C-alpha atoms as a PDB file:
ATOM      1  CA  UNK A   1     117.632  93.033 109.996  1.00  0.00           C
ATOM      2  CA  UNK A   2     113.426  90.118 105.345  1.00  0.00           C
ATOM      3  CA  UNK A   3     107.282  87.073 102.760  1.00  0.00           C
ATOM      4  CA  UNK A   4     104.259  83.806 102.195  1.00  0.00           C
ATOM      5  CA  UNK A   5     105.183  87.156 101.994  1.00  0.00           C
ATOM      6  CA  UNK A   6     108.629  86.078 102.789  1.00  0.00           C
ATOM      7  CA  UNK A   7     108.910  87.199 106.283  1.00  0.00           C
ATOM      8  CA  UNK A   8     112.863  86.983 106.562  1.00  0.00           C
ATOM      9  CA  UNK A   9     113.649  89.356 103.954  1.00  0.00           C
ATOM     10  CA  UNK A  10     110.650  91.644 105.290  1.00  0.00           C
ATOM     11  CA  UNK A  11     112.292  92.247 108.721  1.00  0.00           C
ATOM     12  CA  UNK A  12     115.909  92.414 107.241  1.00  0.00           C
ATOM     13  CA  UNK A  13     114.672  95.205 105.010  1.00  0.00           C
ATOM     14  CA  UNK A  14     112.629  96.864 107.672  1.00  0.00           C
ATOM     15  CA  UNK A  15     115.509  97.254 110.164  1.00  0.00           C
ATOM     16  CA  UNK A  16     117.665  98.299 107.220  1.00  0.00           C
ATOM     17  CA  UNK A  17     116.145 101.774 108.029  1.00  0.00           C
ATOM     18  CA  UNK A  18     119.353 103.308 106.681  1.00  0.00           C
ATOM     19  CA  UNK A  19     119.789 106.852 105.563  1.00  0.00           C
ATOM     20  CA  UNK A  20     118.943 107.359 101.932  1.00  0.00           C
ATOM     21  CA  UNK A  21     119.391 110.915 100.537  1.00  0.00           C
ATOM     22  CA  UNK A  22     118.638 112.876  97.411  1.00  0.00           C
ATOM     23  CA  UNK A  23     120.557 115.841  96.522  1.00  0.00           C
ATOM     24  CA  UNK A  24     118.104 118.578  94.995  1.00  0.00           C
ATOM     25  CA  UNK A  25     120.825 119.635  92.710  1.00  0.00           C
ATOM     26  CA  UNK A  26     122.390 117.686  91.388  1.00  0.00           C
ATOM     27  CA  UNK A  27     120.232 114.465  91.641  1.00  0.00           C
ATOM     28  CA  UNK A  28     121.549 111.277  92.374  1.00  0.00           C
ATOM     29  CA  UNK A  29     121.095 107.647  93.866  1.00  0.00           C
ATOM     30  CA  UNK A  30     121.117 104.876  96.412  1.00  0.00           C
ATOM     31  CA  UNK A  31     120.528 104.319 100.476  1.00  0.00           C
ATOM     32  CA  UNK A  32     122.441 103.560 104.176  1.00  0.00           C
ATOM     33  CA  UNK A  33     122.505 107.286 103.881  1.00  0.00           C
ATOM     34  CA  UNK A  34     122.573 107.050 100.370  1.00  0.00           C
ATOM     35  CA  UNK A  35     121.726 109.927  97.956  1.00  0.00           C
ATOM     36  CA  UNK A  36     118.581 110.205  95.861  1.00  0.00           C
ATOM     37  CA  UNK A  37     116.344 107.216  96.890  1.00  0.00           C
ATOM     38  CA  UNK A  38     113.506 108.154  94.546  1.00  0.00           C
ATOM     39  CA  UNK A  39     115.446 108.728  91.497  1.00  0.00           C
ATOM     40  CA  UNK A  40     117.527 105.498  90.857  1.00  0.00           C
ATOM     41  CA  UNK A  41     119.515 105.293  87.801  1.00  0.00           C
ATOM     42  CA  UNK A  42     120.920 108.713  88.034  1.00  0.00           C
ATOM     43  CA  UNK A  43     124.613 109.139  88.504  1.00  0.00           C
ATOM     44  CA  UNK A  44     125.444 108.237  92.229  1.00  0.00           C
ATOM     45  CA  UNK A  45     125.733 111.053  94.539  1.00  0.00           C
ATOM     46  CA  UNK A  46     129.480 110.000  95.547  1.00  0.00           C
ATOM     47  CA  UNK A  47     130.515 111.247  92.219  1.00  0.00           C
ATOM     48  CA  UNK A  48     129.168 114.497  92.621  1.00  0.00           C
ATOM     49  CA  UNK A  49     128.009 115.232  95.964  1.00  0.00           C
ATOM     50  CA  UNK A  50     130.280 116.411  98.700  1.00  0.00           C
ATOM     51  CA  UNK A  51     128.381 115.676 101.809  1.00  0.00           C
ATOM     52  CA  UNK A  52     130.332 112.854 103.752  1.00  0.00           C
ATOM     53  CA  UNK A  53     128.987 110.634 106.684  1.00  0.00           C
ATOM     54  CA  UNK A  54     131.781 110.996 109.293  1.00  0.00           C
ATOM     55  CA  UNK A  55     130.456 108.638 111.612  1.00  0.00           C
ATOM     56  CA  UNK A  56     127.275 106.458 112.439  1.00  0.00           C
ATOM     57  CA  UNK A  57     126.239 104.747 115.785  1.00  0.00           C
ATOM     58  CA  UNK A  58     123.202 102.364 115.679  1.00  0.00           C
ATOM     59  CA  UNK A  59     121.918 100.645 118.694  1.00  0.00           C
ATOM     60  CA  UNK A  60     119.371  97.868 118.265  1.00  0.00           C
ATOM     61  CA  UNK A  61     117.213  96.498 121.166  1.00  0.00           C
ATOM     62  CA  UNK A  62     116.186  93.147 120.100  1.00  0.00           C
ATOM     63  CA  UNK A  63     112.666  92.077 121.271  1.00  0.00           C
ATOM     64  CA  UNK A  64     110.192  89.132 120.650  1.00  0.00           C
ATOM     65  CA  UNK A  65     107.503  91.536 118.965  1.00  0.00           C
ATOM     66  CA  UNK A  66     109.133  94.779 118.498  1.00  0.00           C
ATOM     67  CA  UNK A  67     112.890  95.892 118.060  1.00  0.00           C
ATOM     68  CA  UNK A  68     113.899  99.564 118.838  1.00  0.00           C
ATOM     69  CA  UNK A  69     116.574 101.385 117.055  1.00  0.00           C
ATOM     70  CA  UNK A  70     118.482 104.622 118.335  1.00  0.00           C
ATOM     71  CA  UNK A  71     120.917 105.790 115.643  1.00  0.00           C
ATOM     72  CA  UNK A  72     123.030 108.723 115.516  1.00  0.00           C
ATOM     73  CA  UNK A  73     124.774 109.949 112.272  1.00  0.00           C
ATOM     74  CA  UNK A  74     127.111 112.830 111.907  1.00  0.00           C
ATOM     75  CA  UNK A  75     127.643 114.405 108.513  1.00  0.00           C
ATOM     76  CA  UNK A  76     130.011 117.193 107.122  1.00  0.00           C
ATOM     77  CA  UNK A  77     129.446 119.086 103.812  1.00  0.00           C
ATOM     78  CA  UNK A  78     133.010 119.196 102.338  1.00  0.00           C
ATOM     79  CA  UNK A  79     131.850 121.572  99.542  1.00  0.00           C
ATOM     80  CA  UNK A  80     132.354 125.349  99.374  1.00  0.00           C
ATOM     81  CA  UNK A  81     128.628 125.347  98.401  1.00  0.00           C
ATOM     82  CA  UNK A  82     125.409 124.772 100.039  1.00  0.00           C
ATOM     83  CA  UNK A  83     123.586 121.529  99.529  1.00  0.00           C
ATOM     84  CA  UNK A  84     119.969 120.510 100.216  1.00  0.00           C
ATOM     85  CA  UNK A  85     119.168 116.923 100.649  1.00  0.00           C
ATOM     86  CA  UNK A  86     116.254 114.636 101.112  1.00  0.00           C
ATOM     87  CA  UNK A  87     116.860 111.965 103.741  1.00  0.00           C
ATOM     88  CA  UNK A  88     114.832 108.635 104.382  1.00  0.00           C
ATOM     89  CA  UNK A  89     114.234 105.190 105.596  1.00  0.00           C
ATOM     90  CA  UNK A  90     113.238 102.777 103.037  1.00  0.00           C
ATOM     91  CA  UNK A  91     111.078  99.461 103.996  1.00  0.00           C
ATOM     92  CA  UNK A  92     109.481  96.868 102.037  1.00  0.00           C
ATOM     93  CA  UNK A  93     105.779  97.428 103.292  1.00  0.00           C
ATOM     94  CA  UNK A  94     103.796 100.308 104.237  1.00  0.00           C
ATOM     95  CA  UNK A  95     103.987 101.368 108.025  1.00  0.00           C
ATOM     96  CA  UNK A  96     106.808  98.875 108.720  1.00  0.00           C
ATOM     97  CA  UNK A  97     108.783 101.397 110.408  1.00  0.00           C
ATOM     98  CA  UNK A  98     106.820 102.811 113.301  1.00  0.00           C
ATOM     99  CA  UNK A  99     107.346 105.558 116.097  1.00  0.00           C
ATOM    100  CA  UNK A 100     109.710 107.455 113.939  1.00  0.00           C
ATOM    101  CA  UNK A 101     111.546 110.392 115.560  1.00  0.00           C
ATOM    102  CA  UNK A 102     114.069 112.487 113.778  1.00  0.00           C
ATOM    103  CA  UNK A 103     116.183 115.226 115.410  1.00  0.00           C
ATOM    104  CA  UNK A 104     118.627 117.417 113.600  1.00  0.00           C
ATOM    105  CA  UNK A 105     121.210 119.139 115.784  1.00  0.00           C
ATOM    106  CA  UNK A 106     118.748 118.490 118.837  1.00  0.00           C
ATOM    107  CA  UNK A 107     115.727 119.760 116.995  1.00  0.00           C
ATOM    108  CA  UNK A 108     112.817 117.684 116.182  1.00  0.00           C
ATOM    109  CA  UNK A 109     111.860 117.852 112.366  1.00  0.00           C
ATOM    110  CA  UNK A 110     108.793 116.633 110.589  1.00  0.00           C
ATOM    111  CA  UNK A 111     108.721 113.435 108.571  1.00  0.00           C
ATOM    112  CA  UNK A 112     106.478 112.312 105.682  1.00  0.00           C
ATOM    113  CA  UNK A 113     105.776 109.076 103.719  1.00  0.00           C
ATOM    114  CA  UNK A 114     106.236 108.354 100.174  1.00  0.00           C
ATOM    115  CA  UNK A 115     106.195 105.213  97.969  1.00  0.00           C
ATOM    116  CA  UNK A 116     108.589 104.358  95.064  1.00  0.00           C
ATOM    117  CA  UNK A 117     107.719 101.731  92.306  1.00  0.00           C
ATOM    118  CA  UNK A 118     110.368 100.018  90.258  1.00  0.00           C
ATOM    119  CA  UNK A 119     110.685  97.263  87.746  1.00  0.00           C
ATOM    120  CA  UNK A 120     113.169  94.621  88.128  1.00  0.00           C
ATOM    121  CA  UNK A 121     114.178  91.820  85.748  1.00  0.00           C
ATOM    122  CA  UNK A 122     114.201  88.603  87.613  1.00  0.00           C
ATOM    123  CA  UNK A 123     114.144  84.920  86.885  1.00  0.00           C
ATOM    124  CA  UNK A 124     110.723  83.463  86.729  1.00  0.00           C
ATOM    125  CA  UNK A 125     109.442  79.849  87.433  1.00  0.00           C
ATOM    126  CA  UNK A 126     110.209  78.611  84.042  1.00  0.00           C
ATOM    127  CA  UNK A 127     113.802  79.801  84.160  1.00  0.00           C
ATOM    128  CA  UNK A 128     113.562  82.846  81.916  1.00  0.00           C
ATOM    129  CA  UNK A 129     113.663  86.468  82.948  1.00  0.00           C
ATOM    130  CA  UNK A 130     110.477  88.532  83.479  1.00  0.00           C
ATOM    131  CA  UNK A 131     109.610  91.940  84.940  1.00  0.00           C
ATOM    132  CA  UNK A 132     108.564  92.131  88.555  1.00  0.00           C
ATOM    133  CA  UNK A 133     107.369  95.118  90.416  1.00  0.00           C
ATOM    134  CA  UNK A 134     109.256  96.270  93.479  1.00  0.00           C
ATOM    135  CA  UNK A 135     107.670  98.706  95.965  1.00  0.00           C
ATOM    136  CA  UNK A 136     109.603 100.753  98.411  1.00  0.00           C
ATOM    137  CA  UNK A 137     108.015 102.723 101.317  1.00  0.00           C
ATOM    138  CA  UNK A 138     109.835 105.817 102.688  1.00  0.00           C
ATOM    139  CA  UNK A 139     109.818 107.905 105.396  1.00  0.00           C
ATOM    140  CA  UNK A 140     111.379 111.141 104.444  1.00  0.00           C
ATOM    141  CA  UNK A 141     112.644 114.490 105.705  1.00  0.00           C
ATOM    142  CA  UNK A 142     114.683 117.592 104.696  1.00  0.00           C
ATOM    143  CA  UNK A 143     118.079 118.691 105.376  1.00  0.00           C
ATOM    144  CA  UNK A 144     120.054 121.497 104.401  1.00  0.00           C
ATOM    145  CA  UNK A 145     123.938 122.124 104.795  1.00  0.00           C
ATOM    146  CA  UNK A 146     125.835 125.459 104.703  1.00  0.00           C
ATOM    147  CA  UNK A 147     129.330 125.294 103.188  1.00  0.00           C
ATOM    148  CA  UNK A 148     131.607 123.033 105.332  1.00  0.00           C
ATOM    149  CA  UNK A 149     128.848 122.648 107.860  1.00  0.00           C
ATOM    150  CA  UNK A 150     128.684 119.637 110.153  1.00  0.00           C
ATOM    151  CA  UNK A 151     125.275 118.319 111.332  1.00  0.00           C
ATOM    152  CA  UNK A 152     124.249 115.494 113.757  1.00  0.00           C
ATOM    153  CA  UNK A 153     121.008 113.560 113.169  1.00  0.00           C
ATOM    154  CA  UNK A 154     119.370 111.406 115.825  1.00  0.00           C
ATOM    155  CA  UNK A 155     116.880 108.990 114.761  1.00  0.00           C
ATOM    156  CA  UNK A 156     114.761 106.591 116.649  1.00  0.00           C
ATOM    157  CA  UNK A 157     112.056 104.230 115.296  1.00  0.00           C
ATOM    158  CA  UNK A 158     110.658 100.621 116.065  1.00  0.00           C
ATOM    159  CA  UNK A 159     109.974  97.565 113.654  1.00  0.00           C
ATOM    160  CA  UNK A 160     108.927  93.974 113.910  1.00  0.00           C
ATOM    161  CA  UNK A 161     111.739  91.408 113.608  1.00  0.00           C
ATOM    162  CA  UNK A 162     111.134  88.514 111.339  1.00  0.00           C
ATOM    163  CA  UNK A 163     109.748  85.175 112.609  1.00  0.00           C
ATOM    164  CA  UNK A 164     110.475  82.366 110.459  1.00  0.00           C
ATOM    165  CA  UNK A 165     107.942  79.839 112.166  1.00  0.00           C
ATOM    166  CA  UNK A 166     107.263  76.948 110.631  1.00  0.00           C
ATOM    167  CA  UNK A 167     107.891  78.266 107.004  1.00  0.00           C
ATOM    168  CA  UNK A 168     111.584  79.097 106.838  1.00  0.00           C
ATOM    169  CA  UNK A 169     114.472  76.988 108.378  1.00  0.00           C
ATOM    170  CA  UNK A 170     117.434  78.754 109.500  1.00  0.00           C
ATOM    171  CA  UNK A 171     120.613  76.703 110.514  1.00  0.00           C
ATOM    172  CA  UNK A 172     119.275  77.015 114.138  1.00  0.00           C
ATOM    173  CA  UNK A 173     115.713  76.272 113.557  1.00  0.00           C
ATOM    174  CA  UNK A 174     116.383  73.355 111.212  1.00  0.00           C
ATOM    175  CA  UNK A 175     117.202  71.361 114.382  1.00  0.00           C
ATOM    176  CA  UNK A 176     113.526  71.734 115.639  1.00  0.00           C
ATOM    177  CA  UNK A 177     112.334  70.236 112.090  1.00  0.00           C
ATOM    178  CA  UNK A 178     115.007  67.712 112.245  1.00  0.00           C
ATOM    179  CA  UNK A 179     113.788  66.385 115.767  1.00  0.00           C
ATOM    180  CA  UNK A 180     110.110  66.355 114.853  1.00  0.00           C
ATOM    181  CA  UNK A 181     110.690  64.456 111.548  1.00  0.00           C
ATOM    182  CA  UNK A 182     113.110  61.887 113.109  1.00  0.00           C
ATOM    183  CA  UNK A 183     110.506  61.171 115.815  1.00  0.00           C
ATOM    184  CA  UNK A 184     107.774  60.803 112.945  1.00  0.00           C
ATOM    185  CA  UNK A 185     110.042  58.550 110.824  1.00  0.00           C
ATOM    186  CA  UNK A 186     110.576  56.264 113.569  1.00  0.00           C
ATOM    187  CA  UNK A 187     106.795  56.298 114.459  1.00  0.00           C
ATOM    188  CA  UNK A 188     107.369  57.586 118.032  1.00  0.00           C
ATOM    189  CA  UNK A 189     105.563  60.313 119.930  1.00  0.00           C
ATOM    190  CA  UNK A 190     107.499  63.310 121.118  1.00  0.00           C
ATOM    191  CA  UNK A 191     108.403  62.746 124.956  1.00  0.00           C
ATOM    192  CA  UNK A 192     108.040  65.611 127.312  1.00  0.00           C
ATOM    193  CA  UNK A 193     111.845  66.095 126.934  1.00  0.00           C
ATOM    194  CA  UNK A 194     111.677  66.284 123.213  1.00  0.00           C
ATOM    195  CA  UNK A 195     108.675  68.422 123.110  1.00  0.00           C
ATOM    196  CA  UNK A 196     110.470  70.823 125.329  1.00  0.00           C
ATOM    197  CA  UNK A 197     113.175  71.133 122.982  1.00  0.00           C
ATOM    198  CA  UNK A 198     110.959  71.780 120.234  1.00  0.00           C
ATOM    199  CA  UNK A 199     109.124  74.400 122.072  1.00  0.00           C
ATOM    200  CA  UNK A 200     112.456  76.049 123.188  1.00  0.00           C
ATOM    201  CA  UNK A 201     113.696  76.633 119.620  1.00  0.00           C
ATOM    202  CA  UNK A 202     112.323  80.080 119.046  1.00  0.00           C
ATOM    203  CA  UNK A 203     113.867  82.401 116.349  1.00  0.00           C
ATOM    204  CA  UNK A 204     113.872  86.012 115.539  1.00  0.00           C
ATOM    205  CA  UNK A 205     115.991  87.738 112.786  1.00  0.00           C
ATOM    206  CA  UNK A 206     116.878  91.472 112.434  1.00  0.00           C
ATOM    207  CA  UNK A 207     119.422  93.159 109.998  1.00  0.00           C
ATOM    208  CA  UNK A 208     120.672  96.396 109.313  1.00  0.00           C
ATOM    209  CA  UNK A 209     121.472  97.553 105.457  1.00  0.00           C
ATOM    210  CA  UNK A 210     124.856  99.009 105.319  1.00  0.00           C
ATOM    211  CA  UNK A 211     125.790  98.495 101.491  1.00  0.00           C
ATOM    212  CA  UNK A 212     123.935 101.568 100.531  1.00  0.00           C
ATOM    213  CA  UNK A 213     126.043 103.757 102.464  1.00  0.00           C
ATOM    214  CA  UNK A 214     128.477 103.474  99.627  1.00  0.00           C
ATOM    215  CA  UNK A 215     126.389 106.166  97.780  1.00  0.00           C
ATOM    216  CA  UNK A 216     127.945 109.153 100.048  1.00  0.00           C
ATOM    217  CA  UNK A 217     131.162 111.056  99.301  1.00  0.00           C
ATOM    218  CA  UNK A 218     133.972 109.066 100.395  1.00  0.00           C
ATOM    219  CA  UNK A 219     133.962 106.215 102.814  1.00  0.00           C
ATOM    220  CA  UNK A 220     132.059 106.132 106.285  1.00  0.00           C
ATOM    221  CA  UNK A 221     134.725 107.375 108.820  1.00  0.00           C
ATOM    222  CA  UNK A 222     133.405 105.274 111.507  1.00  0.00           C
ATOM    223  CA  UNK A 223     130.615 102.724 111.826  1.00  0.00           C
ATOM    224  CA  UNK A 224     129.538 101.138 115.311  1.00  0.00           C
ATOM    225  CA  UNK A 225     126.221  98.953 115.006  1.00  0.00           C
ATOM    226  CA  UNK A 226     125.257  97.088 118.136  1.00  0.00           C
ATOM    227  CA  UNK A 227     122.587  94.490 118.792  1.00  0.00           C
ATOM    228  CA  UNK A 228     121.701  93.781 122.354  1.00  0.00           C
ATOM    229  CA  UNK A 229     118.717  91.867 124.189  1.00  0.00           C
ATOM    230  CA  UNK A 230     117.736  93.827 127.410  1.00  0.00           C
ATOM    231  CA  UNK A 231     117.079  90.762 129.406  1.00  0.00           C
ATOM    232  CA  UNK A 232     119.105  87.747 128.120  1.00  0.00           C
ATOM    233  CA  UNK A 233     122.037  89.742 126.851  1.00  0.00           C
ATOM    234  CA  UNK A 234     124.390  87.696 124.590  1.00  0.00           C
ATOM    235  CA  UNK A 235     122.774  84.593 125.739  1.00  0.00           C
ATOM    236  CA  UNK A 236     120.076  85.202 123.297  1.00  0.00           C
ATOM    237  CA  UNK A 237     122.208  85.058 120.251  1.00  0.00           C
ATOM    238  CA  UNK A 238     122.297  82.125 118.046  1.00  0.00           C
ATOM    239  CA  UNK A 239     123.752  83.372 114.528  1.00  0.00           C
ATOM    240  CA  UNK A 240     125.060  86.683 113.293  1.00  0.00           C
ATOM    241  CA  UNK A 241     126.467  87.723 109.971  1.00  0.00           C
ATOM    242  CA  UNK A 242     129.095  88.845 109.089  1.00  0.00           C
ATOM    243  CA  UNK A 243     131.595  87.687 111.483  1.00  0.00           C
ATOM    244  CA  UNK A 244     134.137  90.182 110.277  1.00  0.00           C
ATOM    245  CA  UNK A 245     134.461  93.223 112.573  1.00  0.00           C
ATOM    246  CA  UNK A 246     131.924  91.724 115.159  1.00  0.00           C
ATOM    247  CA  UNK A 247     132.669  91.218 118.830  1.00  0.00           C
ATOM    248  CA  UNK A 248     130.714  89.620 121.696  1.00  0.00           C
ATOM    249  CA  UNK A 249     129.348  92.186 124.329  1.00  0.00           C
ATOM    250  CA  UNK A 250     127.732  91.611 127.407  1.00  0.00           C
ATOM    251  CA  UNK A 251     124.358  92.586 125.948  1.00  0.00           C
ATOM    252  CA  UNK A 252     124.887  91.149 122.477  1.00  0.00           C
ATOM    253  CA  UNK A 253     127.233  91.866 119.634  1.00  0.00           C
ATOM    254  CA  UNK A 254     128.804  94.998 118.233  1.00  0.00           C
ATOM    255  CA  UNK A 255     130.330  95.500 114.811  1.00  0.00           C
ATOM    256  CA  UNK A 256     133.027  98.250 114.403  1.00  0.00           C
ATOM    257  CA  UNK A 257     134.481  99.621 110.933  1.00  0.00           C
ATOM    258  CA  UNK A 258     136.585 102.556 109.978  1.00  0.00           C
ATOM    259  CA  UNK A 259     137.169 103.766 106.595  1.00  0.00           C
ATOM    260  CA  UNK A 260     134.128 101.878 105.379  1.00  0.00           C
ATOM    261  CA  UNK A 261     132.868 101.316 101.857  1.00  0.00           C
ATOM    262  CA  UNK A 262     130.152  98.976 102.652  1.00  0.00           C
ATOM    263  CA  UNK A 263     129.262  95.894 100.126  1.00  0.00           C
ATOM    264  CA  UNK A 264     127.572  93.972 102.761  1.00  0.00           C
ATOM    265  CA  UNK A 265     124.587  94.273 105.204  1.00  0.00           C
ATOM    266  CA  UNK A 266     124.208  92.848 109.033  1.00  0.00           C
ATOM    267  CA  UNK A 267     121.915  90.422 110.434  1.00  0.00           C
ATOM    268  CA  UNK A 268     121.409  88.774 113.872  1.00  0.00           C
ATOM    269  CA  UNK A 269     119.187  85.701 114.787  1.00  0.00           C
ATOM    270  CA  UNK A 270     118.205  85.214 118.409  1.00  0.00           C
ATOM    271  CA  UNK A 271     115.947  83.532 120.727  1.00  0.00           C
ATOM    272  CA  UNK A 272     113.910  85.980 122.139  1.00  0.00           C
ATOM    273  CA  UNK A 273     112.655  84.008 125.245  1.00  0.00           C
ATOM    274  CA  UNK A 274     115.477  81.785 126.390  1.00  0.00           C
ATOM    275  CA  UNK A 275     119.072  82.042 126.922  1.00  0.00           C
ATOM    276  CA  UNK A 276     121.638  79.492 125.806  1.00  0.00           C
ATOM    277  CA  UNK A 277     122.326  77.996 129.169  1.00  0.00           C
ATOM    278  CA  UNK A 278     118.683  77.094 129.703  1.00  0.00           C
ATOM    279  CA  UNK A 279     118.116  75.755 126.168  1.00  0.00           C
ATOM    280  CA  UNK A 280     121.564  73.806 126.828  1.00  0.00           C
ATOM    281  CA  UNK A 281     119.950  72.119 130.018  1.00  0.00           C
ATOM    282  CA  UNK A 282     116.849  71.088 127.805  1.00  0.00           C
ATOM    283  CA  UNK A 283     118.992  69.738 125.073  1.00  0.00           C
ATOM    284  CA  UNK A 284     121.032  67.526 127.494  1.00  0.00           C
ATOM    285  CA  UNK A 285     117.864  66.143 129.328  1.00  0.00           C
ATOM    286  CA  UNK A 286     116.399  65.201 125.903  1.00  0.00           C
ATOM    287  CA  UNK A 287     119.376  63.794 124.425  1.00  0.00           C
ATOM    288  CA  UNK A 288     120.063  61.714 127.801  1.00  0.00           C
ATOM    289  CA  UNK A 289     116.356  60.563 127.549  1.00  0.00           C
ATOM    290  CA  UNK A 290     116.822  59.606 123.641  1.00  0.00           C
ATOM    291  CA  UNK A 291     120.685  58.311 123.319  1.00  0.00           C
ATOM    292  CA  UNK A 292     119.630  57.004 119.847  1.00  0.00           C
ATOM    293  CA  UNK A 293     118.440  60.236 118.666  1.00  0.00           C
ATOM    294  CA  UNK A 294     120.861  61.605 115.951  1.00  0.00           C
ATOM    295  CA  UNK A 295     118.763  64.723 115.751  1.00  0.00           C
ATOM    296  CA  UNK A 296     118.942  65.614 119.381  1.00  0.00           C
ATOM    297  CA  UNK A 297     122.718  64.682 119.530  1.00  0.00           C
ATOM    298  CA  UNK A 298     123.420  67.153 116.414  1.00  0.00           C
ATOM    299  CA  UNK A 299     121.259  69.853 118.449  1.00  0.00           C
ATOM    300  CA  UNK A 300     122.934  69.632 121.627  1.00  0.00           C
ATOM    301  CA  UNK A 301     126.390  69.794 119.847  1.00  0.00           C
ATOM    302  CA  UNK A 302     125.490  72.747 117.899  1.00  0.00           C
ATOM    303  CA  UNK A 303     124.599  74.548 121.119  1.00  0.00           C
ATOM    304  CA  UNK A 304     127.706  73.348 123.048  1.00  0.00           C
ATOM    305  CA  UNK A 305     129.905  74.744 120.138  1.00  0.00           C
ATOM    306  CA  UNK A 306     127.892  77.937 120.084  1.00  0.00           C
ATOM    307  CA  UNK A 307     128.418  78.272 124.025  1.00  0.00           C
ATOM    308  CA  UNK A 308     132.120  77.429 123.962  1.00  0.00           C
ATOM    309  CA  UNK A 309     133.267  79.371 120.846  1.00  0.00           C
ATOM    310  CA  UNK A 310     130.557  81.810 119.349  1.00  0.00           C
ATOM    311  CA  UNK A 311     131.857  82.765 115.770  1.00  0.00           C
ATOM    312  CA  UNK A 312     131.575  86.356 116.487  1.00  0.00           C
ATOM    313  CA  UNK A 313     134.070  86.210 119.692  1.00  0.00           C
ATOM    314  CA  UNK A 314     137.742  85.911 119.850  1.00  0.00           C
ATOM    315  CA  UNK A 315     139.211  82.321 119.769  1.00  0.00           C
ATOM    316  CA  UNK A 316     138.337  80.757 123.102  1.00  0.00           C
ATOM    317  CA  UNK A 317     135.700  83.233 124.117  1.00  0.00           C
ATOM    318  CA  UNK A 318     132.670  82.311 125.855  1.00  0.00           C
ATOM    319  CA  UNK A 319     129.253  83.927 126.147  1.00  0.00           C
ATOM    320  CA  UNK A 320     128.835  85.750 129.352  1.00  0.00           C
END
């Protein structure tokens, strides 16, 4: 689940914390459990390695300052030969992922940090292509598989979600900017009701990188990723991507996939401090105080749609 250092991609990459592996022989590349994170450009592990991710279960606890992740990965070596892998979590900044705990078949294993520097061709301010350095920071550990062996990896860690603040506007936080700008354009001060709305629109974003899982042998057998707010539950959610495979739960949202060859990632935007019903009450009060405000009407309508038909729920479903 994203920096003036664009903070949105920062947290998105932080929560990616997805296994990236490197086969010591042969060496290969990529990340959600993808082979050879530190040797990009080599033939993908999926073409030569035989370790498959049979299943992954990821539970994300959403918070205002820190999010916590508990993940379990089930691997199977389908080869007749042993394999040795280096596995790791990537992030965009040093020490972005903290409190890392890794257990293989119930036994805690040591982890280490490493840094990777690559150069990418990107479009520059003048429109032409230019080289840009990209740093990736890794938390790594070693794994070994006997022929046909199945292994279970349990991982826990914490990270800071992104906070767009007053820098980046999401479809949800754009309503805050719209209200402030509308009142300023009319030369009016914000009323108490309008100020309450502006203060209520608080956003965090967390994400999980899936696409790097395509580096494993075959598809991912089953992937279940859940995001939940411990106090507000599903009422904290404001936007999720993608909608395919997603379903509302009392705590938040759950994505479920089978035979997955991911070409996408997951993200969830949420209000860490206020449930949807409470925010709706504030929006109704502000719209009633200012019936001529288009910005407040648009904000209220957006929340009502979110309440009556959240895009990640079945048609007609409502947030609990």
